[in-house]
Each structure stands twice: as structure tokens, then as C-alpha cells.
Amino acid sequence: MLSSRINKLINELGRLSVDLAVIVPGPNFRYLVGSYIETFERFGALIICMNNGAYALILPRLDEGKARATGLPYIVYGDEEGPLGAIRAFVTNNCGVVRRVGLEGRATLNYLWTMRKVIGEFNDYPVDDLLMSMRISKDDDELRSIERAVRAIENGIRLPVSPLSQG
């Protein structure tokens, strides 16, 4: 399911002539990765290369267990070396020439500067609207989850009143 969401994003990014996308922890990351991973001040992202459709999570070593649990490809880095080597290795092996990078508006300047240290100059392209349009359309799994949640709420409302609440 998650890889189909990532593949759909790859198709859409290709139409926008984006060479590489950086999705940072937050709602879009969770939608694509299936997990909430907060890296706080450390670099953490789902990086997608359009050249060959490769993608990987780049995360601090502290989050390796969470990365493994997603089932997605990942690269971890330690605090002592920082993320540049991990990002550079992935980009060099997968992305080819990068001229246009898709970034979310929630990506901090640190993400922009980090990617520029790896790639050099590039044009950034906002991908927020694209990701929002993907999240707004619900697939069958999401619709079933919503139906289960509604049924659970309805069942909870029908429960008898507890004797403790009756004075």
C-alpha cells in the first residue's frame, strides 16, 4: 500500500519535471511512509529520485528501529558524521543530474541548505498542493479504516450508562 502511494507520487513528480523530492517528517511523510518519525533537530526525510524511481528514508541512527519497521529502504547516519555522507551516497547512486528539487513548505532552511551542500545549486519546487491532493483522495484501505472508526464510535455511543454515573 505505501509503496503504491510513493509510486503515485513518483508519477506525479515526473509530470512536473522534478528530479528529486524531499519529504520531511509531518503529515505527508506519515501518509507516504506509514509511520510518524520525529527527528527533531536532526535531518530526516524520505528522498525520492526521479532518474530511476529509487527512494529511501535518510534518518538518524537513533531511529533505525522505526525505519526498519516501515519496510522501506533506509540509510541511517550517526551524529558524529552527520547526514551529508548518507544523502550524498544515495543521490550520487540514484539521481543523476538534479536541477529541480520538490520540497514541502514545512521543510526548514536547514533542509534546503543541507541539500545544497550535497547537490549544489538547484531550483526548488513546492510540492504541498500535490501531496495535499493525494491525501484528500481516499483509497479503499483508507475508506475501510474510516468505516471501522465510525462503527467503533457508534458502538461506544450505544453502551449502557455506567452505574457509577447514576448518583
N, C-alpha and C. Protein backbone atom coordinates (compact mmCIF):
# COMPACT_ATOMS: atom_id res chain seq x y z
N MET A 1 0.83 -1.20 0.00
CA MET A 1 0.00 0.00 0.00
C MET A 1 0.87 1.26 0.00
N LEU A 2 1.85 1.32 0.91
CA LEU A 2 2.67 2.53 0.99
C LEU A 2 3.49 2.73 -0.26
N SER A 3 4.06 1.65 -0.78
CA SER A 3 4.86 1.80 -1.99
C SER A 3 3.99 2.27 -3.15
N SER A 4 2.71 1.91 -3.17
CA SER A 4 1.83 2.40 -4.24
C SER A 4 1.62 3.91 -4.10
N ARG A 5 1.57 4.41 -2.89
CA ARG A 5 1.46 5.86 -2.69
C ARG A 5 2.73 6.56 -3.16
N ILE A 6 3.86 5.98 -2.82
CA ILE A 6 5.13 6.57 -3.24
C ILE A 6 5.23 6.51 -4.76
N ASN A 7 4.83 5.39 -5.37
CA ASN A 7 4.88 5.28 -6.82
C ASN A 7 3.95 6.28 -7.50
N LYS A 8 2.80 6.51 -6.90
CA LYS A 8 1.88 7.52 -7.45
C LYS A 8 2.54 8.90 -7.39
N LEU A 9 3.20 9.19 -6.26
CA LEU A 9 3.90 10.47 -6.14
C LEU A 9 5.01 10.57 -7.19
N ILE A 10 5.74 9.49 -7.40
CA ILE A 10 6.80 9.49 -8.41
C ILE A 10 6.23 9.83 -9.79
N ASN A 11 5.10 9.23 -10.13
CA ASN A 11 4.46 9.53 -11.42
C ASN A 11 4.09 10.99 -11.53
N GLU A 12 3.51 11.53 -10.47
CA GLU A 12 3.09 12.94 -10.49
C GLU A 12 4.30 13.87 -10.56
N LEU A 13 5.34 13.56 -9.82
CA LEU A 13 6.55 14.39 -9.84
C LEU A 13 7.19 14.40 -11.21
N GLY A 14 7.14 13.26 -11.90
CA GLY A 14 7.68 13.18 -13.25
C GLY A 14 6.99 14.14 -14.20
N ARG A 15 5.69 14.30 -14.04
CA ARG A 15 4.93 15.23 -14.88
C ARG A 15 5.32 16.69 -14.60
N LEU A 16 5.85 16.92 -13.40
CA LEU A 16 6.23 18.28 -13.01
C LEU A 16 7.71 18.57 -13.27
N SER A 17 8.39 17.63 -13.88
CA SER A 17 9.83 17.75 -14.17
C SER A 17 10.67 17.97 -12.92
N VAL A 18 10.27 17.33 -11.83
CA VAL A 18 11.04 17.37 -10.59
C VAL A 18 12.05 16.23 -10.66
N ASP A 19 13.32 16.51 -10.36
CA ASP A 19 14.37 15.49 -10.42
C ASP A 19 14.51 14.72 -9.12
N LEU A 20 14.19 15.36 -8.02
CA LEU A 20 14.37 14.77 -6.70
C LEU A 20 13.35 15.42 -5.77
N ALA A 21 12.80 14.64 -4.85
CA ALA A 21 11.86 15.20 -3.87
C ALA A 21 12.35 14.87 -2.46
N VAL A 22 12.12 15.80 -1.55
CA VAL A 22 12.47 15.64 -0.15
C VAL A 22 11.20 15.83 0.67
N ILE A 23 10.74 14.75 1.31
CA ILE A 23 9.53 14.80 2.14
C ILE A 23 9.98 14.69 3.59
N VAL A 24 9.66 15.71 4.37
CA VAL A 24 10.15 15.79 5.75
C VAL A 24 9.10 15.26 6.73
N PRO A 25 9.53 14.88 7.94
CA PRO A 25 8.56 14.37 8.92
C PRO A 25 7.39 15.33 9.11
N GLY A 26 6.21 14.76 9.13
CA GLY A 26 4.96 15.51 9.25
C GLY A 26 3.85 14.70 8.60
N PRO A 27 2.72 15.33 8.32
CA PRO A 27 1.56 14.59 7.80
C PRO A 27 1.81 13.91 6.45
N ASN A 28 2.50 14.58 5.54
CA ASN A 28 2.76 13.97 4.22
C ASN A 28 3.72 12.79 4.34
N PHE A 29 4.72 12.94 5.18
CA PHE A 29 5.67 11.86 5.45
C PHE A 29 4.92 10.65 6.01
N ARG A 30 4.07 10.90 6.99
CA ARG A 30 3.31 9.80 7.60
C ARG A 30 2.41 9.12 6.57
N TYR A 31 1.78 9.90 5.71
CA TYR A 31 0.92 9.35 4.67
C TYR A 31 1.72 8.43 3.74
N LEU A 32 2.92 8.85 3.35
CA LEU A 32 3.72 8.08 2.40
C LEU A 32 4.48 6.93 3.06
N VAL A 33 4.95 7.14 4.27
CA VAL A 33 5.82 6.18 4.95
C VAL A 33 5.02 5.24 5.86
N GLY A 34 3.87 5.69 6.33
CA GLY A 34 3.04 4.87 7.20
C GLY A 34 3.44 4.91 8.65
N SER A 35 4.31 5.85 9.00
CA SER A 35 4.79 5.95 10.37
C SER A 35 5.12 7.40 10.68
N TYR A 36 4.89 7.77 11.91
CA TYR A 36 5.29 9.09 12.36
C TYR A 36 6.68 8.97 12.97
N ILE A 37 7.64 9.59 12.35
CA ILE A 37 9.01 9.58 12.85
C ILE A 37 9.43 11.04 13.02
N GLU A 38 9.67 11.44 14.23
CA GLU A 38 10.09 12.83 14.51
C GLU A 38 11.58 12.83 14.78
N THR A 39 12.33 13.55 13.96
CA THR A 39 13.79 13.59 14.12
C THR A 39 14.26 14.85 14.84
N PHE A 40 13.33 15.71 15.21
CA PHE A 40 13.62 16.95 15.93
C PHE A 40 14.65 17.78 15.17
N GLU A 41 15.79 18.10 15.75
CA GLU A 41 16.75 18.98 15.06
C GLU A 41 17.61 18.22 14.05
N ARG A 42 17.54 16.92 14.04
CA ARG A 42 18.33 16.12 13.11
C ARG A 42 17.64 16.02 11.76
N PHE A 43 18.43 15.84 10.70
CA PHE A 43 17.89 15.66 9.36
C PHE A 43 17.19 14.32 9.26
N GLY A 44 16.00 14.31 8.75
CA GLY A 44 15.25 13.09 8.48
C GLY A 44 14.32 13.34 7.32
N ALA A 45 14.30 12.45 6.35
CA ALA A 45 13.45 12.67 5.18
C ALA A 45 13.28 11.39 4.38
N LEU A 46 12.22 11.40 3.58
CA LEU A 46 12.06 10.44 2.51
C LEU A 46 12.58 11.16 1.27
N ILE A 47 13.60 10.59 0.64
CA ILE A 47 14.17 11.20 -0.56
C ILE A 47 13.82 10.31 -1.74
N ILE A 48 13.31 10.93 -2.80
CA ILE A 48 12.87 10.21 -3.99
C ILE A 48 13.64 10.75 -5.19
N CYS A 49 14.26 9.86 -5.94
CA CYS A 49 14.98 10.23 -7.16
C CYS A 49 14.16 9.83 -8.38
N MET A 50 13.92 10.78 -9.23
CA MET A 50 13.11 10.53 -10.41
C MET A 50 13.89 9.80 -11.50
N ASN A 51 15.20 9.91 -11.51
CA ASN A 51 16.04 9.30 -12.54
C ASN A 51 15.75 7.81 -12.68
N ASN A 52 15.65 7.11 -11.53
CA ASN A 52 15.39 5.67 -11.59
C ASN A 52 14.25 5.24 -10.66
N GLY A 53 13.54 6.20 -10.07
CA GLY A 53 12.43 5.87 -9.19
C GLY A 53 12.84 5.34 -7.83
N ALA A 54 14.11 5.46 -7.49
CA ALA A 54 14.58 4.97 -6.19
C ALA A 54 14.15 5.93 -5.09
N TYR A 55 13.91 5.36 -3.92
CA TYR A 55 13.60 6.18 -2.76
C TYR A 55 14.16 5.52 -1.52
N ALA A 56 14.43 6.34 -0.52
CA ALA A 56 14.94 5.82 0.75
C ALA A 56 14.67 6.83 1.85
N LEU A 57 14.52 6.30 3.04
CA LEU A 57 14.47 7.15 4.22
C LEU A 57 15.91 7.45 4.61
N ILE A 58 16.21 8.68 4.90
CA ILE A 58 17.51 9.07 5.44
C ILE A 58 17.22 9.54 6.86
N LEU A 59 17.70 8.79 7.84
CA LEU A 59 17.34 9.06 9.24
C LEU A 59 18.54 8.91 10.16
N PRO A 60 18.46 9.57 11.32
CA PRO A 60 19.50 9.36 12.33
C PRO A 60 19.50 7.91 12.81
N ARG A 61 20.65 7.41 13.17
CA ARG A 61 20.78 6.03 13.65
C ARG A 61 19.83 5.76 14.82
N LEU A 62 19.53 6.77 15.60
CA LEU A 62 18.60 6.61 16.73
C LEU A 62 17.23 6.10 16.28
N ASP A 63 16.88 6.36 15.03
CA ASP A 63 15.56 5.98 14.51
C ASP A 63 15.61 4.75 13.61
N GLU A 64 16.70 3.98 13.68
CA GLU A 64 16.83 2.83 12.79
C GLU A 64 15.72 1.81 13.02
N GLY A 65 15.33 1.57 14.24
CA GLY A 65 14.23 0.63 14.51
C GLY A 65 12.94 1.06 13.85
N LYS A 66 12.64 2.34 13.92
CA LYS A 66 11.44 2.87 13.27
C LYS A 66 11.55 2.76 11.77
N ALA A 67 12.73 3.04 11.24
CA ALA A 67 12.95 2.94 9.79
C ALA A 67 12.73 1.50 9.33
N ARG A 68 13.31 0.55 10.05
CA ARG A 68 13.18 -0.87 9.71
C ARG A 68 11.72 -1.29 9.73
N ALA A 69 10.97 -0.81 10.71
CA ALA A 69 9.56 -1.19 10.85
C ALA A 69 8.70 -0.73 9.67
N THR A 70 9.12 0.29 8.95
CA THR A 70 8.33 0.75 7.79
C THR A 70 8.41 -0.23 6.63
N GLY A 71 9.49 -1.03 6.56
CA GLY A 71 9.67 -1.93 5.44
C GLY A 71 10.22 -1.24 4.20
N LEU A 72 10.49 0.05 4.29
CA LEU A 72 11.02 0.81 3.15
C LEU A 72 12.54 0.82 3.21
N PRO A 73 13.19 1.03 2.06
CA PRO A 73 14.65 1.17 2.08
C PRO A 73 15.05 2.36 2.96
N TYR A 74 16.16 2.23 3.66
CA TYR A 74 16.60 3.33 4.52
C TYR A 74 18.11 3.35 4.63
N ILE A 75 18.61 4.52 4.97
CA ILE A 75 20.02 4.73 5.27
C ILE A 75 20.06 5.53 6.57
N VAL A 76 20.86 5.08 7.52
CA VAL A 76 20.98 5.82 8.77
C VAL A 76 22.38 6.41 8.87
N TYR A 77 22.47 7.45 9.67
CA TYR A 77 23.76 8.11 9.91
C TYR A 77 23.89 8.39 11.40
N GLY A 78 25.11 8.47 11.85
CA GLY A 78 25.38 8.79 13.26
C GLY A 78 25.58 10.28 13.44
N ASP A 79 25.39 10.73 14.66
CA ASP A 79 25.58 12.15 14.97
C ASP A 79 27.00 12.61 14.65
N GLU A 80 27.97 11.70 14.84
CA GLU A 80 29.36 12.10 14.64
C GLU A 80 29.66 12.44 13.18
N GLU A 81 29.03 11.73 12.22
CA GLU A 81 29.31 12.05 10.82
C GLU A 81 28.26 12.96 10.19
N GLY A 82 27.06 13.01 10.74
CA GLY A 82 26.00 13.83 10.17
C GLY A 82 25.41 13.21 8.92
N PRO A 83 24.40 13.83 8.35
CA PRO A 83 23.63 13.23 7.25
C PRO A 83 24.24 13.39 5.86
N LEU A 84 25.22 14.28 5.69
CA LEU A 84 25.69 14.60 4.34
C LEU A 84 26.19 13.38 3.57
N GLY A 85 26.98 12.53 4.19
CA GLY A 85 27.50 11.35 3.50
C GLY A 85 26.40 10.40 3.06
N ALA A 86 25.41 10.18 3.92
CA ALA A 86 24.30 9.29 3.60
C ALA A 86 23.48 9.86 2.44
N ILE A 87 23.20 11.15 2.49
CA ILE A 87 22.43 11.78 1.42
C ILE A 87 23.23 11.74 0.12
N ARG A 88 24.49 12.12 0.21
CA ARG A 88 25.35 12.15 -0.99
C ARG A 88 25.43 10.77 -1.64
N ALA A 89 25.61 9.72 -0.85
CA ALA A 89 25.70 8.36 -1.40
C ALA A 89 24.42 7.99 -2.13
N PHE A 90 23.29 8.26 -1.52
CA PHE A 90 22.01 7.92 -2.15
C PHE A 90 21.80 8.72 -3.43
N VAL A 91 22.00 10.03 -3.36
CA VAL A 91 21.78 10.89 -4.52
C VAL A 91 22.74 10.54 -5.65
N THR A 92 24.00 10.35 -5.34
CA THR A 92 25.01 10.02 -6.36
C THR A 92 24.68 8.70 -7.06
N ASN A 93 24.23 7.71 -6.31
CA ASN A 93 23.95 6.39 -6.89
C ASN A 93 22.61 6.30 -7.61
N ASN A 94 21.73 7.29 -7.41
CA ASN A 94 20.37 7.13 -7.94
C ASN A 94 19.80 8.30 -8.74
N CYS A 95 20.27 9.49 -8.51
CA CYS A 95 19.52 10.64 -9.02
C CYS A 95 20.00 11.22 -10.34
N GLY A 96 21.22 10.99 -10.73
CA GLY A 96 21.71 11.65 -11.94
C GLY A 96 21.81 13.15 -11.70
N VAL A 97 21.59 13.92 -12.75
CA VAL A 97 21.66 15.38 -12.65
C VAL A 97 20.40 15.90 -11.97
N VAL A 98 20.58 16.74 -10.97
CA VAL A 98 19.44 17.30 -10.23
C VAL A 98 19.40 18.80 -10.45
N ARG A 99 18.36 19.23 -11.12
CA ARG A 99 18.17 20.67 -11.36
C ARG A 99 16.96 21.23 -10.62
N ARG A 100 15.98 20.36 -10.36
CA ARG A 100 14.74 20.80 -9.74
C ARG A 100 14.39 19.86 -8.59
N VAL A 101 14.28 20.44 -7.39
CA VAL A 101 14.00 19.66 -6.19
C VAL A 101 12.64 20.03 -5.63
N GLY A 102 11.80 19.01 -5.45
CA GLY A 102 10.49 19.21 -4.83
C GLY A 102 10.63 19.23 -3.32
N LEU A 103 10.19 20.32 -2.73
CA LEU A 103 10.26 20.49 -1.27
C LEU A 103 8.90 20.89 -0.73
N GLU A 104 8.63 20.45 0.47
CA GLU A 104 7.43 20.89 1.18
C GLU A 104 7.67 22.26 1.81
N GLY A 105 6.63 23.00 1.97
CA GLY A 105 6.74 24.30 2.64
C GLY A 105 7.18 24.17 4.08
N ARG A 106 6.91 23.03 4.70
CA ARG A 106 7.28 22.83 6.10
C ARG A 106 8.76 22.49 6.27
N ALA A 107 9.46 22.21 5.17
CA ALA A 107 10.90 21.94 5.24
C ALA A 107 11.62 23.21 5.69
N THR A 108 12.44 23.09 6.69
CA THR A 108 13.15 24.26 7.22
C THR A 108 14.30 24.65 6.28
N LEU A 109 14.85 25.81 6.52
CA LEU A 109 16.01 26.25 5.74
C LEU A 109 17.16 25.27 5.88
N ASN A 110 17.25 24.61 7.01
CA ASN A 110 18.31 23.63 7.21
C ASN A 110 18.24 22.52 6.16
N TYR A 111 17.03 22.09 5.81
CA TYR A 111 16.87 21.07 4.76
C TYR A 111 17.36 21.61 3.42
N LEU A 112 16.97 22.83 3.12
CA LEU A 112 17.40 23.46 1.87
C LEU A 112 18.92 23.57 1.82
N TRP A 113 19.53 24.06 2.89
CA TRP A 113 20.98 24.22 2.94
C TRP A 113 21.69 22.87 2.86
N THR A 114 21.16 21.87 3.56
CA THR A 114 21.75 20.54 3.53
C THR A 114 21.74 19.98 2.11
N MET A 115 20.61 20.10 1.43
CA MET A 115 20.52 19.59 0.06
C MET A 115 21.44 20.37 -0.88
N ARG A 116 21.59 21.66 -0.64
CA ARG A 116 22.51 22.44 -1.49
C ARG A 116 23.96 22.04 -1.26
N LYS A 117 24.31 21.65 -0.03
CA LYS A 117 25.67 21.17 0.23
C LYS A 117 25.94 19.88 -0.55
N VAL A 118 24.93 19.07 -0.73
CA VAL A 118 25.08 17.80 -1.43
C VAL A 118 25.01 17.99 -2.95
N ILE A 119 24.02 18.73 -3.42
CA ILE A 119 23.72 18.83 -4.85
C ILE A 119 24.35 20.04 -5.51
N GLY A 120 24.51 21.10 -4.76
CA GLY A 120 24.88 22.38 -5.35
C GLY A 120 23.62 23.19 -5.60
N GLU A 121 23.68 24.09 -6.53
CA GLU A 121 22.51 24.93 -6.82
C GLU A 121 21.42 24.13 -7.53
N PHE A 122 20.19 24.44 -7.20
CA PHE A 122 19.04 23.83 -7.87
C PHE A 122 17.85 24.77 -7.70
N ASN A 123 16.83 24.54 -8.51
CA ASN A 123 15.57 25.27 -8.36
C ASN A 123 14.68 24.44 -7.45
N ASP A 124 14.08 25.10 -6.48
CA ASP A 124 13.16 24.37 -5.62
C ASP A 124 11.73 24.53 -6.15
N TYR A 125 10.94 23.50 -5.95
CA TYR A 125 9.57 23.47 -6.43
C TYR A 125 8.67 23.02 -5.29
N PRO A 126 7.64 23.80 -4.97
CA PRO A 126 6.75 23.42 -3.86
C PRO A 126 5.86 22.23 -4.25
N VAL A 127 5.83 21.22 -3.41
CA VAL A 127 5.03 20.02 -3.68
C VAL A 127 3.84 19.88 -2.73
N ASP A 128 3.56 20.90 -1.95
CA ASP A 128 2.48 20.83 -0.96
C ASP A 128 1.11 20.55 -1.60
N ASP A 129 0.79 21.25 -2.66
CA ASP A 129 -0.53 21.06 -3.29
C ASP A 129 -0.68 19.65 -3.85
N LEU A 130 0.37 19.15 -4.46
CA LEU A 130 0.35 17.79 -4.99
C LEU A 130 0.11 16.78 -3.87
N LEU A 131 0.85 16.91 -2.78
CA LEU A 131 0.70 15.97 -1.67
C LEU A 131 -0.67 16.09 -1.02
N MET A 132 -1.17 17.31 -0.91
CA MET A 132 -2.50 17.51 -0.33
C MET A 132 -3.57 16.85 -1.20
N SER A 133 -3.44 16.99 -2.52
CA SER A 133 -4.43 16.37 -3.40
C SER A 133 -4.37 14.85 -3.32
N MET A 134 -3.19 14.30 -3.11
CA MET A 134 -3.08 12.85 -2.93
C MET A 134 -3.73 12.41 -1.63
N ARG A 135 -3.52 13.16 -0.57
CA ARG A 135 -4.05 12.78 0.74
C ARG A 135 -5.56 12.95 0.81
N ILE A 136 -6.10 13.88 0.05
CA ILE A 136 -7.54 14.16 0.11
C ILE A 136 -8.35 13.05 -0.54
N SER A 137 -7.82 12.39 -1.56
CA SER A 137 -8.48 11.26 -2.22
C SER A 137 -8.20 10.01 -1.40
N LYS A 138 -9.24 9.36 -0.95
CA LYS A 138 -9.07 8.18 -0.10
C LYS A 138 -9.08 6.90 -0.94
N ASP A 139 -8.12 6.02 -0.66
CA ASP A 139 -8.11 4.72 -1.33
C ASP A 139 -9.00 3.76 -0.55
N ASP A 140 -9.16 2.54 -1.05
CA ASP A 140 -10.06 1.56 -0.42
C ASP A 140 -9.66 1.25 1.01
N ASP A 141 -8.37 1.11 1.28
CA ASP A 141 -7.92 0.82 2.65
C ASP A 141 -8.28 1.96 3.60
N GLU A 142 -8.08 3.19 3.15
CA GLU A 142 -8.41 4.33 3.99
C GLU A 142 -9.92 4.40 4.25
N LEU A 143 -10.73 4.12 3.21
CA LEU A 143 -12.18 4.14 3.39
C LEU A 143 -12.62 3.06 4.38
N ARG A 144 -12.02 1.88 4.30
CA ARG A 144 -12.36 0.81 5.27
C ARG A 144 -11.97 1.21 6.69
N SER A 145 -10.84 1.86 6.85
CA SER A 145 -10.41 2.32 8.17
C SER A 145 -11.38 3.36 8.73
N ILE A 146 -11.83 4.25 7.88
CA ILE A 146 -12.80 5.28 8.31
C ILE A 146 -14.10 4.60 8.72
N GLU A 147 -14.56 3.63 7.93
CA GLU A 147 -15.80 2.91 8.28
C GLU A 147 -15.67 2.19 9.62
N ARG A 148 -14.52 1.53 9.86
CA ARG A 148 -14.30 0.85 11.14
C ARG A 148 -14.31 1.85 12.30
N ALA A 149 -13.71 2.99 12.09
CA ALA A 149 -13.68 4.02 13.15
C ALA A 149 -15.09 4.52 13.45
N VAL A 150 -15.88 4.73 12.43
CA VAL A 150 -17.25 5.20 12.63
C VAL A 150 -18.05 4.14 13.39
N ARG A 151 -17.90 2.87 12.99
CA ARG A 151 -18.62 1.79 13.71
C ARG A 151 -18.21 1.73 15.17
N ALA A 152 -16.93 1.88 15.45
CA ALA A 152 -16.45 1.84 16.84
C ALA A 152 -17.04 2.99 17.64
N ILE A 153 -17.13 4.15 17.04
CA ILE A 153 -17.71 5.32 17.73
C ILE A 153 -19.20 5.07 17.97
N GLU A 154 -19.89 4.57 16.95
CA GLU A 154 -21.32 4.29 17.11
C GLU A 154 -21.55 3.26 18.21
N ASN A 155 -20.73 2.22 18.26
CA ASN A 155 -20.86 1.21 19.31
C ASN A 155 -20.58 1.81 20.68
N GLY A 156 -19.62 2.69 20.76
CA GLY A 156 -19.31 3.35 22.01
C GLY A 156 -20.45 4.23 22.51
N ILE A 157 -21.15 4.86 21.59
CA ILE A 157 -22.28 5.72 21.96
C ILE A 157 -23.44 4.87 22.48
N ARG A 158 -23.60 3.67 21.96
CA ARG A 158 -24.71 2.79 22.35
C ARG A 158 -24.48 2.07 23.68
N LEU A 159 -23.31 2.13 24.26
CA LEU A 159 -23.03 1.43 25.51
C LEU A 159 -23.95 1.94 26.62
N PRO A 160 -24.37 1.05 27.51
CA PRO A 160 -25.22 1.49 28.61
C PRO A 160 -24.45 2.43 29.55
N VAL A 161 -25.21 3.26 30.24
CA VAL A 161 -24.62 4.19 31.19
C VAL A 161 -24.11 3.41 32.40
N SER A 162 -22.94 3.76 32.87
CA SER A 162 -22.31 3.09 33.99
C SER A 162 -23.07 3.43 35.29
N PRO A 163 -23.20 2.45 36.20
CA PRO A 163 -23.89 2.70 37.48
C PRO A 163 -23.16 3.79 38.28
N LEU A 164 -21.89 3.98 38.10
CA LEU A 164 -21.15 4.99 38.84
C LEU A 164 -21.61 6.40 38.46
N SER A 165 -22.10 6.56 37.23
CA SER A 165 -22.53 7.90 36.81
C SER A 165 -23.96 8.19 37.23
N GLN A 166 -24.65 7.25 37.88
CA GLN A 166 -26.04 7.46 38.27
C GLN A 166 -26.16 7.76 39.76
N GLY A 167 -25.43 8.68 40.24
CA GLY A 167 -25.55 9.19 41.59
C GLY A 167 -25.50 8.20 42.62
